[in-house]
Amino acid sequence: MTEFDMKTATSLLPVMTGEEEMTKKLIDAIEFYSQNLKKEYESLLISFVLKTRLSRHAKLRLASNYNSSIDLIKDMKNNLLTKQSATALQLEILQSRQGSQSIEEFCKKLENLFVKLTISQADGKEDAYLLIIREDVGVIAARRRIREVILAVTGIILIY
């Protein structure tokens, strides 16, 4: 455990730009740094983040003070990150078509959709990566699409 260091905090914690990816990086950096800080310096970290790392928009959506970095992180995740609907993601998976994409591009797109679906179904739980995606319409449809692509490439036509 270490003491709060302004140089370390400045280099480790990015300034929010309004992009969601940068917000995620800031949240991850706060989590990392707070885990390595002595408890008595946690309030300095919180104050530093609230005063110097947030955009004006984020400052309006968050409280002006927090008792712990865990509360700050939870509030940032709830108020600053976009939530995606599991139903909308399932529909997007269901309607996915390869089109002119290569197999690699298409499978990567499906993989990204499944990751987003898993996260949205986790409903903010930290162990989202442990969730097993249910065999619902979206999953079954995606499997069919992948099978169609593989069979089409090998020259076999799949008829449903």
C-alpha atoms as a PDB file:
ATOM      1  CA  MET A   1       0.000   0.000   0.000  1.00  0.00           C
ATOM      2  CA  THR A   2       1.240   3.439  -0.914  1.00  0.00           C
ATOM      3  CA  GLU A   3       0.543   7.075  -0.182  1.00  0.00           C
ATOM      4  CA  PHE A   4      -1.281   9.325  -2.619  1.00  0.00           C
ATOM      5  CA  ASP A   5       1.151  10.838  -5.113  1.00  0.00           C
ATOM      6  CA  MET A   6       0.061  13.700  -7.385  1.00  0.00           C
ATOM      7  CA  LYS A   7       2.477  12.739 -10.195  1.00  0.00           C
ATOM      8  CA  THR A   8       1.337   9.123 -10.161  1.00  0.00           C
ATOM      9  CA  ALA A   9      -2.321  10.110 -10.115  1.00  0.00           C
ATOM     10  CA  THR A  10      -1.841  12.581 -12.968  1.00  0.00           C
ATOM     11  CA  SER A  11      -0.075  10.057 -15.174  1.00  0.00           C
ATOM     12  CA  LEU A  12      -2.315   7.105 -14.280  1.00  0.00           C
ATOM     13  CA  LEU A  13      -5.764   8.711 -14.334  1.00  0.00           C
ATOM     14  CA  PRO A  14      -6.841  10.054 -17.748  1.00  0.00           C
ATOM     15  CA  VAL A  15      -8.969  13.170 -18.130  1.00  0.00           C
ATOM     16  CA  MET A  16     -12.466  12.471 -19.442  1.00  0.00           C
ATOM     17  CA  THR A  17     -13.046  13.532 -23.031  1.00  0.00           C
ATOM     18  CA  GLY A  18     -16.698  12.611 -23.347  1.00  0.00           C
ATOM     19  CA  GLU A  19     -15.895   9.353 -25.133  1.00  0.00           C
ATOM     20  CA  GLU A  20     -17.221   6.250 -23.414  1.00  0.00           C
ATOM     21  CA  GLU A  21     -13.951   4.366 -23.888  1.00  0.00           C
ATOM     22  CA  MET A  22     -12.055   7.092 -22.014  1.00  0.00           C
ATOM     23  CA  THR A  23     -14.625   6.951 -19.197  1.00  0.00           C
ATOM     24  CA  LYS A  24     -14.071   3.188 -18.916  1.00  0.00           C
ATOM     25  CA  LYS A  25     -10.301   3.736 -18.779  1.00  0.00           C
ATOM     26  CA  LEU A  26     -10.727   6.311 -16.015  1.00  0.00           C
ATOM     27  CA  ILE A  27     -12.945   3.960 -13.992  1.00  0.00           C
ATOM     28  CA  ASP A  28     -10.434   1.120 -14.376  1.00  0.00           C
ATOM     29  CA  ALA A  29      -7.557   3.401 -13.358  1.00  0.00           C
ATOM     30  CA  ILE A  30      -9.451   4.629 -10.281  1.00  0.00           C
ATOM     31  CA  GLU A  31     -10.136   1.015  -9.274  1.00  0.00           C
ATOM     32  CA  PHE A  32      -6.480   0.086  -9.720  1.00  0.00           C
ATOM     33  CA  TYR A  33      -5.055   3.098  -7.896  1.00  0.00           C
ATOM     34  CA  SER A  34      -7.543   2.918  -5.021  1.00  0.00           C
ATOM     35  CA  GLN A  35      -6.639  -0.738  -4.409  1.00  0.00           C
ATOM     36  CA  ASN A  36      -2.999   0.260  -3.962  1.00  0.00           C
ATOM     37  CA  LEU A  37      -3.603   3.289  -1.734  1.00  0.00           C
ATOM     38  CA  LYS A  38      -3.635   3.373   2.028  1.00  0.00           C
ATOM     39  CA  LYS A  39      -7.184   3.969   3.287  1.00  0.00           C
ATOM     40  CA  GLU A  40      -6.340   7.362   4.771  1.00  0.00           C
ATOM     41  CA  TYR A  41      -5.440   8.667   1.280  1.00  0.00           C
ATOM     42  CA  GLU A  42      -8.616   7.498  -0.432  1.00  0.00           C
ATOM     43  CA  SER A  43     -10.346  10.846   0.161  1.00  0.00           C
ATOM     44  CA  LEU A  44      -7.483  12.611  -1.658  1.00  0.00           C
ATOM     45  CA  LEU A  45      -7.949  10.316  -4.643  1.00  0.00           C
ATOM     46  CA  ILE A  46     -11.693  10.983  -4.706  1.00  0.00           C
ATOM     47  CA  SER A  47     -11.165  14.739  -4.470  1.00  0.00           C
ATOM     48  CA  PHE A  48      -8.492  14.630  -7.195  1.00  0.00           C
ATOM     49  CA  VAL A  49     -10.811  12.741  -9.556  1.00  0.00           C
ATOM     50  CA  LEU A  50     -13.821  14.959  -8.863  1.00  0.00           C
ATOM     51  CA  LYS A  51     -11.867  18.199  -9.294  1.00  0.00           C
ATOM     52  CA  THR A  52      -9.449  17.409 -12.134  1.00  0.00           C
ATOM     53  CA  ARG A  53     -10.400  14.311 -14.144  1.00  0.00           C
ATOM     54  CA  LEU A  54     -14.102  14.746 -14.912  1.00  0.00           C
ATOM     55  CA  SER A  55     -15.718  16.588 -17.800  1.00  0.00           C
ATOM     56  CA  ARG A  56     -18.276  19.318 -17.047  1.00  0.00           C
ATOM     57  CA  HIS A  57     -21.037  16.960 -18.124  1.00  0.00           C
ATOM     58  CA  ALA A  58     -19.820  14.255 -15.723  1.00  0.00           C
ATOM     59  CA  LYS A  59     -19.556  16.721 -12.839  1.00  0.00           C
ATOM     60  CA  LEU A  60     -23.244  17.544 -13.269  1.00  0.00           C
ATOM     61  CA  ARG A  61     -24.238  13.870 -13.159  1.00  0.00           C
ATOM     62  CA  LEU A  62     -22.188  12.887 -10.093  1.00  0.00           C
ATOM     63  CA  ALA A  63     -22.345  13.925  -6.445  1.00  0.00           C
ATOM     64  CA  SER A  64     -19.853  16.500  -5.182  1.00  0.00           C
ATOM     65  CA  ASN A  65     -18.462  14.174  -2.503  1.00  0.00           C
ATOM     66  CA  TYR A  66     -18.152  10.432  -1.869  1.00  0.00           C
ATOM     67  CA  ASN A  67     -17.254   8.432   1.225  1.00  0.00           C
ATOM     68  CA  SER A  68     -15.305   5.788  -0.684  1.00  0.00           C
ATOM     69  CA  SER A  69     -13.841   5.176  -4.105  1.00  0.00           C
ATOM     70  CA  ILE A  70     -16.165   2.178  -4.419  1.00  0.00           C
ATOM     71  CA  ASP A  71     -19.160   4.538  -4.188  1.00  0.00           C
ATOM     72  CA  LEU A  72     -17.597   6.882  -6.757  1.00  0.00           C
ATOM     73  CA  ILE A  73     -16.907   4.018  -9.177  1.00  0.00           C
ATOM     74  CA  LYS A  74     -20.412   2.608  -8.770  1.00  0.00           C
ATOM     75  CA  ASP A  75     -21.946   6.028  -9.409  1.00  0.00           C
ATOM     76  CA  MET A  76     -19.714   6.580 -12.453  1.00  0.00           C
ATOM     77  CA  LYS A  77     -20.736   3.226 -13.927  1.00  0.00           C
ATOM     78  CA  ASN A  78     -24.434   3.910 -13.314  1.00  0.00           C
ATOM     79  CA  ASN A  79     -24.505   7.535 -14.493  1.00  0.00           C
ATOM     80  CA  LEU A  80     -21.786   7.884 -17.123  1.00  0.00           C
ATOM     81  CA  LEU A  81     -21.747   4.615 -19.063  1.00  0.00           C
ATOM     82  CA  THR A  82     -24.321   3.749 -21.705  1.00  0.00           C
ATOM     83  CA  LYS A  83     -26.455   0.741 -20.897  1.00  0.00           C
ATOM     84  CA  GLN A  84     -27.484  -1.517 -23.751  1.00  0.00           C
ATOM     85  CA  SER A  85     -30.686  -3.493 -23.817  1.00  0.00           C
ATOM     86  CA  ALA A  86     -30.278  -7.275 -23.857  1.00  0.00           C
ATOM     87  CA  THR A  87     -33.344  -7.517 -26.086  1.00  0.00           C
ATOM     88  CA  ALA A  88     -31.904  -5.049 -28.614  1.00  0.00           C
ATOM     89  CA  LEU A  89     -28.617  -6.937 -28.680  1.00  0.00           C
ATOM     90  CA  GLN A  90     -30.415 -10.262 -29.168  1.00  0.00           C
ATOM     91  CA  LEU A  91     -32.342  -8.743 -32.053  1.00  0.00           C
ATOM     92  CA  GLU A  92     -29.127  -7.444 -33.611  1.00  0.00           C
ATOM     93  CA  ILE A  93     -27.595 -10.932 -33.320  1.00  0.00           C
ATOM     94  CA  LEU A  94     -30.716 -12.466 -34.825  1.00  0.00           C
ATOM     95  CA  GLN A  95     -30.666 -10.072 -37.781  1.00  0.00           C
ATOM     96  CA  SER A  96     -26.921 -10.341 -38.425  1.00  0.00           C
ATOM     97  CA  ARG A  97     -25.904 -11.260 -41.943  1.00  0.00           C
ATOM     98  CA  GLN A  98     -22.434 -11.833 -43.291  1.00  0.00           C
ATOM     99  CA  GLY A  99     -22.978  -9.956 -46.532  1.00  0.00           C
ATOM    100  CA  SER A 100     -19.627  -8.986 -48.022  1.00  0.00           C
ATOM    101  CA  GLN A 101     -17.714  -9.393 -44.748  1.00  0.00           C
ATOM    102  CA  SER A 102     -15.052 -12.061 -44.429  1.00  0.00           C
ATOM    103  CA  ILE A 103     -15.745 -14.941 -42.055  1.00  0.00           C
ATOM    104  CA  GLU A 104     -13.232 -13.466 -39.636  1.00  0.00           C
ATOM    105  CA  GLU A 105     -14.910 -10.032 -39.644  1.00  0.00           C
ATOM    106  CA  PHE A 106     -18.386 -11.519 -39.286  1.00  0.00           C
ATOM    107  CA  CYS A 107     -17.396 -13.810 -36.407  1.00  0.00           C
ATOM    108  CA  LYS A 108     -15.607 -10.919 -34.691  1.00  0.00           C
ATOM    109  CA  LYS A 109     -18.777  -8.818 -34.983  1.00  0.00           C
ATOM    110  CA  LEU A 110     -20.837 -11.656 -33.457  1.00  0.00           C
ATOM    111  CA  GLU A 111     -18.283 -12.148 -30.697  1.00  0.00           C
ATOM    112  CA  ASN A 112     -18.471  -8.446 -29.789  1.00  0.00           C
ATOM    113  CA  LEU A 113     -22.266  -8.615 -29.725  1.00  0.00           C
ATOM    114  CA  PHE A 114     -22.161 -11.644 -27.409  1.00  0.00           C
ATOM    115  CA  VAL A 115     -19.749  -9.860 -25.060  1.00  0.00           C
ATOM    116  CA  LYS A 116     -22.104  -6.856 -24.927  1.00  0.00           C
ATOM    117  CA  LEU A 117     -25.054  -9.205 -24.380  1.00  0.00           C
ATOM    118  CA  THR A 118     -23.292 -10.935 -21.487  1.00  0.00           C
ATOM    119  CA  ILE A 119     -22.483  -7.594 -19.870  1.00  0.00           C
ATOM    120  CA  SER A 120     -26.029  -6.286 -20.311  1.00  0.00           C
ATOM    121  CA  GLN A 121     -27.475  -9.469 -18.797  1.00  0.00           C
ATOM    122  CA  ALA A 122     -25.100  -9.156 -15.830  1.00  0.00           C
ATOM    123  CA  ASP A 123     -26.966  -6.009 -14.744  1.00  0.00           C
ATOM    124  CA  GLY A 124     -23.879  -4.349 -13.255  1.00  0.00           C
ATOM    125  CA  LYS A 125     -22.546  -7.387 -11.405  1.00  0.00           C
ATOM    126  CA  GLU A 126     -18.759  -7.562 -11.260  1.00  0.00           C
ATOM    127  CA  ASP A 127     -18.584 -11.236 -12.224  1.00  0.00           C
ATOM    128  CA  ALA A 128     -20.232 -10.737 -15.623  1.00  0.00           C
ATOM    129  CA  TYR A 129     -17.588 -12.838 -17.284  1.00  0.00           C
ATOM    130  CA  LEU A 130     -18.820 -15.848 -15.303  1.00  0.00           C
ATOM    131  CA  LEU A 131     -22.340 -15.649 -16.685  1.00  0.00           C
ATOM    132  CA  ILE A 132     -23.369 -18.354 -19.076  1.00  0.00           C
ATOM    133  CA  ILE A 133     -25.470 -16.966 -21.881  1.00  0.00           C
ATOM    134  CA  ARG A 134     -28.833 -18.675 -22.002  1.00  0.00           C
ATOM    135  CA  GLU A 135     -29.745 -20.635 -25.103  1.00  0.00           C
ATOM    136  CA  ASP A 136     -32.326 -18.177 -26.278  1.00  0.00           C
ATOM    137  CA  VAL A 137     -33.372 -16.939 -29.687  1.00  0.00           C
ATOM    138  CA  GLY A 138     -30.318 -14.728 -30.184  1.00  0.00           C
ATOM    139  CA  VAL A 139     -27.820 -17.453 -29.381  1.00  0.00           C
ATOM    140  CA  ILE A 140     -29.551 -20.048 -31.526  1.00  0.00           C
ATOM    141  CA  ALA A 141     -29.826 -17.612 -34.440  1.00  0.00           C
ATOM    142  CA  ALA A 142     -26.150 -16.710 -34.201  1.00  0.00           C
ATOM    143  CA  ARG A 143     -25.160 -20.367 -34.236  1.00  0.00           C
ATOM    144  CA  ARG A 144     -27.255 -20.896 -37.356  1.00  0.00           C
ATOM    145  CA  ARG A 145     -25.635 -17.908 -39.044  1.00  0.00           C
ATOM    146  CA  ILE A 146     -22.130 -19.144 -38.267  1.00  0.00           C
ATOM    147  CA  ARG A 147     -23.027 -22.620 -39.501  1.00  0.00           C
ATOM    148  CA  GLU A 148     -24.482 -21.149 -42.699  1.00  0.00           C
ATOM    149  CA  VAL A 149     -21.303 -19.186 -43.311  1.00  0.00           C
ATOM    150  CA  ILE A 150     -19.047 -22.176 -42.757  1.00  0.00           C
ATOM    151  CA  LEU A 151     -21.162 -24.415 -44.961  1.00  0.00           C
ATOM    152  CA  ALA A 152     -21.396 -21.755 -47.671  1.00  0.00           C
ATOM    153  CA  VAL A 153     -17.622 -21.431 -47.719  1.00  0.00           C
ATOM    154  CA  THR A 154     -17.176 -25.169 -48.091  1.00  0.00           C
ATOM    155  CA  GLY A 155     -19.688 -25.174 -50.950  1.00  0.00           C
ATOM    156  CA  ILE A 156     -22.490 -26.969 -49.153  1.00  0.00           C
ATOM    157  CA  ILE A 157     -25.868 -25.235 -49.217  1.00  0.00           C
ATOM    158  CA  LEU A 158     -27.862 -25.461 -46.030  1.00  0.00           C
ATOM    159  CA  ILE A 159     -31.626 -25.576 -46.465  1.00  0.00           C
ATOM    160  CA  TYR A 160     -33.872 -24.982 -43.471  1.00  0.00           C
END
